[in-house]
C-alpha atoms as a PDB file:
ATOM      1  CA  MET A   1     -13.937   9.815   8.597  1.00  0.00           C
ATOM      2  CA  LYS A   2     -11.313  10.911  11.119  1.00  0.00           C
ATOM      3  CA  SER A   3      -8.450   8.637  12.033  1.00  0.00           C
ATOM      4  CA  LYS A   4      -8.100   7.465  15.606  1.00  0.00           C
ATOM      5  CA  ARG A   5      -5.246   9.920  16.128  1.00  0.00           C
ATOM      6  CA  ASP A   6      -5.064  13.375  14.661  1.00  0.00           C
ATOM      7  CA  PHE A   7      -1.358  13.509  13.806  1.00  0.00           C
ATOM      8  CA  GLU A   8      -1.528  17.152  12.733  1.00  0.00           C
ATOM      9  CA  ALA A   9      -2.994  18.196  16.094  1.00  0.00           C
ATOM     10  CA  LEU A  10      -0.363  16.168  17.951  1.00  0.00           C
ATOM     11  CA  GLU A  11       2.396  17.883  16.000  1.00  0.00           C
ATOM     12  CA  LYS A  12       0.904  21.312  16.765  1.00  0.00           C
ATOM     13  CA  ARG A  13       0.898  20.423  20.461  1.00  0.00           C
ATOM     14  CA  ARG A  14       4.556  19.324  20.370  1.00  0.00           C
ATOM     15  CA  LEU A  15       5.571  22.509  18.546  1.00  0.00           C
ATOM     16  CA  LYS A  16       3.634  24.607  21.069  1.00  0.00           C
ATOM     17  CA  ALA A  17       5.586  22.834  23.812  1.00  0.00           C
ATOM     18  CA  GLY A  18       8.828  23.582  21.966  1.00  0.00           C
ATOM     19  CA  ARG A  19       7.998  27.308  21.796  1.00  0.00           C
ATOM     20  CA  LEU A  20       7.233  27.249  25.517  1.00  0.00           C
ATOM     21  CA  PHE A  21      10.566  25.538  26.252  1.00  0.00           C
ATOM     22  CA  THR A  22      12.265  28.257  24.156  1.00  0.00           C
ATOM     23  CA  LYS A  23      10.741  30.854  26.494  1.00  0.00           C
ATOM     24  CA  GLY A  24      12.054  28.955  29.525  1.00  0.00           C
ATOM     25  CA  VAL A  25       8.689  27.661  30.754  1.00  0.00           C
ATOM     26  CA  ALA A  26       9.034  24.778  33.236  1.00  0.00           C
ATOM     27  CA  GLN A  27       8.144  21.202  32.243  1.00  0.00           C
ATOM     28  CA  ALA A  28       5.207  21.017  34.645  1.00  0.00           C
ATOM     29  CA  GLU A  29       3.694  24.203  33.201  1.00  0.00           C
ATOM     30  CA  VAL A  30       4.254  22.979  29.603  1.00  0.00           C
ATOM     31  CA  ALA A  31       2.507  19.722  30.518  1.00  0.00           C
ATOM     32  CA  ARG A  32      -0.436  21.658  31.958  1.00  0.00           C
ATOM     33  CA  ARG A  33      -0.759  24.061  29.014  1.00  0.00           C
ATOM     34  CA  CYS A  34      -0.434  21.296  26.408  1.00  0.00           C
ATOM     35  CA  GLU A  35      -2.675  18.926  28.387  1.00  0.00           C
ATOM     36  CA  VAL A  36      -0.172  16.067  28.469  1.00  0.00           C
ATOM     37  CA  SER A  37       1.488  14.083  31.231  1.00  0.00           C
ATOM     38  CA  ARG A  38       4.719  15.327  32.810  1.00  0.00           C
ATOM     39  CA  GLN A  39       6.484  12.285  31.360  1.00  0.00           C
ATOM     40  CA  THR A  40       5.426  13.343  27.875  1.00  0.00           C
ATOM     41  CA  ALA A  41       6.558  16.921  28.500  1.00  0.00           C
ATOM     42  CA  SER A  42       9.873  15.573  29.783  1.00  0.00           C
ATOM     43  CA  ALA A  43      10.344  13.451  26.649  1.00  0.00           C
ATOM     44  CA  TRP A  44       9.495  16.439  24.456  1.00  0.00           C
ATOM     45  CA  GLU A  45      11.940  18.671  26.321  1.00  0.00           C
ATOM     46  CA  HIS A  46      14.683  16.079  25.955  1.00  0.00           C
ATOM     47  CA  LEU A  47      13.973  15.872  22.203  1.00  0.00           C
ATOM     48  CA  PHE A  48      13.803  19.660  21.965  1.00  0.00           C
ATOM     49  CA  LYS A  49      17.203  20.077  23.666  1.00  0.00           C
ATOM     50  CA  LYS A  50      18.726  17.456  21.392  1.00  0.00           C
ATOM     51  CA  LYS A  51      17.201  18.445  18.005  1.00  0.00           C
ATOM     52  CA  GLY A  52      15.357  21.745  18.476  1.00  0.00           C
ATOM     53  CA  LEU A  53      11.902  22.412  17.037  1.00  0.00           C
ATOM     54  CA  GLU A  54      12.782  20.210  14.056  1.00  0.00           C
ATOM     55  CA  GLY A  55      12.928  17.217  16.406  1.00  0.00           C
ATOM     56  CA  LEU A  56       9.336  17.833  17.505  1.00  0.00           C
ATOM     57  CA  LYS A  57       7.944  17.766  13.973  1.00  0.00           C
ATOM     58  CA  ARG A  58       5.989  14.788  12.716  1.00  0.00           C
ATOM     59  CA  ARG A  59       8.015  11.952  11.272  1.00  0.00           C
ATOM     60  CA  SER A  60       6.688   9.771   8.507  1.00  0.00           C
ATOM     61  CA  LEU A  61       5.289   6.457   9.667  1.00  0.00           C
ATOM     62  CA  GLY A  62       6.385   3.061   8.407  1.00  0.00           C
ATOM     63  CA  ARG A  63       9.370   2.061   6.365  1.00  0.00           C
ATOM     64  CA  PRO A  64      10.859   4.564   3.938  1.00  0.00           C
ATOM     65  CA  ARG A  65      10.013   4.017   0.289  1.00  0.00           C
ATOM     66  CA  GLN A  66      12.461   1.919  -1.674  1.00  0.00           C
ATOM     67  CA  LEU A  67      11.683   3.520  -5.036  1.00  0.00           C
ATOM     68  CA  SER A  68      12.255   7.234  -5.493  1.00  0.00           C
ATOM     69  CA  ASP A  69       9.666   9.448  -7.154  1.00  0.00           C
ATOM     70  CA  GLY A  70      11.778   9.377 -10.321  1.00  0.00           C
ATOM     71  CA  GLN A  71      11.909   5.587 -10.299  1.00  0.00           C
ATOM     72  CA  CYS A  72       8.139   5.429  -9.799  1.00  0.00           C
ATOM     73  CA  SER A  73       7.680   7.702 -12.834  1.00  0.00           C
ATOM     74  CA  GLU A  74      10.025   5.500 -14.839  1.00  0.00           C
ATOM     75  CA  LEU A  75       8.093   2.389 -13.742  1.00  0.00           C
ATOM     76  CA  SER A  76       4.794   3.993 -14.833  1.00  0.00           C
ATOM     77  CA  ALA A  77       6.293   4.778 -18.240  1.00  0.00           C
ATOM     78  CA  LEU A  78       7.565   1.198 -18.608  1.00  0.00           C
ATOM     79  CA  LEU A  79       4.161  -0.211 -17.714  1.00  0.00           C
ATOM     80  CA  MET A  80       2.459   2.072 -20.225  1.00  0.00           C
ATOM     81  CA  LYS A  81       4.766   0.816 -22.999  1.00  0.00           C
ATOM     82  CA  GLY A  82       3.428  -2.685 -22.383  1.00  0.00           C
ATOM     83  CA  ALA A  83       4.729  -6.074 -21.367  1.00  0.00           C
ATOM     84  CA  LEU A  84       5.797  -6.971 -24.912  1.00  0.00           C
ATOM     85  CA  ALA A  85       8.187  -4.006 -24.925  1.00  0.00           C
ATOM     86  CA  GLU A  86       9.838  -5.474 -21.826  1.00  0.00           C
ATOM     87  CA  GLY A  87      10.343  -8.856 -23.466  1.00  0.00           C
ATOM     88  CA  PHE A  88       7.371 -10.790 -22.092  1.00  0.00           C
ATOM     89  CA  ALA A  89       5.554 -13.254 -24.351  1.00  0.00           C
ATOM     90  CA  THR A  90       2.135 -11.578 -24.021  1.00  0.00           C
ATOM     91  CA  GLU A  91       0.859  -8.053 -23.412  1.00  0.00           C
ATOM     92  CA  LEU A  92      -0.577  -9.030 -20.019  1.00  0.00           C
ATOM     93  CA  TRP A  93       0.972  -7.370 -16.968  1.00  0.00           C
ATOM     94  CA  THR A  94       0.769  -9.624 -13.923  1.00  0.00           C
ATOM     95  CA  LEU A  95       1.967  -8.842 -10.405  1.00  0.00           C
ATOM     96  CA  PRO A  96       4.846 -11.357 -10.618  1.00  0.00           C
ATOM     97  CA  ARG A  97       5.924  -9.850 -13.959  1.00  0.00           C
ATOM     98  CA  ILE A  98       5.899  -6.346 -12.517  1.00  0.00           C
ATOM     99  CA  ALA A  99       7.819  -7.542  -9.424  1.00  0.00           C
ATOM    100  CA  LYS A 100      10.410  -9.075 -11.767  1.00  0.00           C
ATOM    101  CA  LEU A 101      10.637  -5.830 -13.763  1.00  0.00           C
ATOM    102  CA  ILE A 102      11.183  -3.806 -10.565  1.00  0.00           C
ATOM    103  CA  ARG A 103      13.816  -6.273  -9.321  1.00  0.00           C
ATOM    104  CA  GLU A 104      15.722  -6.271 -12.620  1.00  0.00           C
ATOM    105  CA  ARG A 105      15.419  -2.559 -13.375  1.00  0.00           C
ATOM    106  CA  PHE A 106      15.795  -1.022  -9.912  1.00  0.00           C
ATOM    107  CA  GLY A 107      17.324  -3.803  -7.798  1.00  0.00           C
ATOM    108  CA  VAL A 108      14.424  -3.733  -5.325  1.00  0.00           C
ATOM    109  CA  ARG A 109      12.558  -6.876  -4.262  1.00  0.00           C
ATOM    110  CA  TYR A 110       8.826  -6.482  -3.683  1.00  0.00           C
ATOM    111  CA  SER A 111       6.262  -9.122  -2.858  1.00  0.00           C
ATOM    112  CA  THR A 112       3.331  -9.307  -5.252  1.00  0.00           C
ATOM    113  CA  GLY A 113       1.127  -7.887  -2.483  1.00  0.00           C
ATOM    114  CA  HIS A 114       3.320  -4.821  -2.207  1.00  0.00           C
ATOM    115  CA  VAL A 115       3.447  -4.470  -6.000  1.00  0.00           C
ATOM    116  CA  TRP A 116      -0.369  -4.232  -5.875  1.00  0.00           C
ATOM    117  CA  HIS A 117      -0.198  -1.387  -3.324  1.00  0.00           C
ATOM    118  CA  LEU A 118       2.502   0.368  -5.351  1.00  0.00           C
ATOM    119  CA  LEU A 119       0.394   0.148  -8.534  1.00  0.00           C
ATOM    120  CA  ARG A 120      -2.638   1.597  -6.772  1.00  0.00           C
ATOM    121  CA  ARG A 121      -0.500   4.470  -5.441  1.00  0.00           C
ATOM    122  CA  LEU A 122       0.695   5.117  -9.003  1.00  0.00           C
ATOM    123  CA  GLY A 123      -2.912   5.282 -10.217  1.00  0.00           C
ATOM    124  CA  PHE A 124      -3.165   1.875 -11.894  1.00  0.00           C
ATOM    125  CA  SER A 125      -6.105  -0.451 -11.359  1.00  0.00           C
ATOM    126  CA  CYS A 126      -7.177  -3.959 -12.268  1.00  0.00           C
ATOM    127  CA  GLN A 127      -8.349  -4.152 -15.833  1.00  0.00           C
ATOM    128  CA  LYS A 128     -10.380  -6.758 -17.593  1.00  0.00           C
ATOM    129  CA  PRO A 129     -10.601  -7.213 -21.350  1.00  0.00           C
ATOM    130  CA  ALA A 130     -13.236  -5.097 -23.097  1.00  0.00           C
ATOM    131  CA  ARG A 131     -14.026  -7.888 -25.567  1.00  0.00           C
ATOM    132  CA  ARG A 132     -14.253 -11.651 -25.354  1.00  0.00           C
ATOM    133  CA  ALA A 133     -11.326 -13.690 -26.596  1.00  0.00           C
ATOM    134  CA  THR A 134     -11.502 -14.483 -30.311  1.00  0.00           C
ATOM    135  CA  GLN A 135     -10.521 -18.090 -29.551  1.00  0.00           C
ATOM    136  CA  ARG A 136     -13.723 -18.722 -27.541  1.00  0.00           C
ATOM    137  CA  ASN A 137     -15.534 -21.851 -28.619  1.00  0.00           C
ATOM    138  CA  GLU A 138     -19.157 -20.997 -27.813  1.00  0.00           C
ATOM    139  CA  PRO A 139     -20.618 -24.469 -28.662  1.00  0.00           C
ATOM    140  CA  ALA A 140     -18.049 -26.161 -26.385  1.00  0.00           C
ATOM    141  CA  ILE A 141     -18.824 -23.712 -23.572  1.00  0.00           C
ATOM    142  CA  LYS A 142     -22.555 -24.320 -23.941  1.00  0.00           C
ATOM    143  CA  ARG A 143     -22.012 -28.093 -23.919  1.00  0.00           C
ATOM    144  CA  TRP A 144     -19.807 -27.874 -20.808  1.00  0.00           C
ATOM    145  CA  LYS A 145     -22.372 -25.728 -18.967  1.00  0.00           C
ATOM    146  CA  SER A 146     -25.223 -28.128 -19.768  1.00  0.00           C
ATOM    147  CA  THR A 147     -23.433 -31.432 -19.020  1.00  0.00           C
ATOM    148  CA  ARG A 148     -20.300 -31.076 -16.897  1.00  0.00           C
ATOM    149  CA  TRP A 149     -21.296 -28.117 -14.689  1.00  0.00           C
ATOM    150  CA  PRO A 150     -24.470 -29.762 -13.267  1.00  0.00           C
ATOM    151  CA  ALA A 151     -22.442 -32.895 -12.428  1.00  0.00           C
ATOM    152  CA  LEU A 152     -19.865 -30.791 -10.616  1.00  0.00           C
ATOM    153  CA  LYS A 153     -22.541 -28.903  -8.679  1.00  0.00           C
ATOM    154  CA  LYS A 154     -23.965 -32.193  -7.362  1.00  0.00           C
ATOM    155  CA  THR A 155     -20.588 -33.140  -5.858  1.00  0.00           C
ATOM    156  CA  LEU A 156     -20.077 -32.108  -2.247  1.00  0.00           C
ATOM    157  CA  PRO A 157     -16.727 -30.314  -1.987  1.00  0.00           C
ATOM    158  CA  ALA A 158     -15.975 -31.577   1.556  1.00  0.00           C
ATOM    159  CA  GLU A 159     -16.509 -35.271   0.846  1.00  0.00           C
ATOM    160  CA  GLY A 160     -15.887 -35.412  -2.883  1.00  0.00           C
ATOM    161  CA  LYS A 161     -18.859 -37.756  -3.345  1.00  0.00           C
ATOM    162  CA  PRO A 162     -22.128 -37.162  -5.182  1.00  0.00           C
ATOM    163  CA  SER A 163     -24.950 -36.051  -2.917  1.00  0.00           C
ATOM    164  CA  SER A 164     -27.785 -38.482  -2.251  1.00  0.00           C
ATOM    165  CA  SER A 165     -30.556 -35.905  -2.573  1.00  0.00           C
END
């Protein structure tokens, strides 16, 4: 699926305009050849005069990354060693734990939502245990499902009262 704007094509158009400005082509002619408004051609020419062709190249969108590639590699290695190795009570990595690790290790504050995006970019995903917990009490679970769960289902969440039907 194509994005709404083709940033590569836009950059090619700006660079074409820059080459035309280098040859001394007038703004109006650059606008016509690049199929843009004269205002756009004027802005490009201003940028070209100030920064050259480099100024017409695509800039990255959004805020710059706060962790370098090296720090991201180090974070991946720390996560692979496990939460116990970092002094947590259990082996479970949670978003708040990872945010704390990043804050303490690299001095960068991330919200848990951003930690999630960072982990996905690093190739991590949500995991769930392969086996059931050894502490599971199957008879208690069965009893709860047969007695307590039906009673809870009969309660209307909005009113908090048992239904009359």
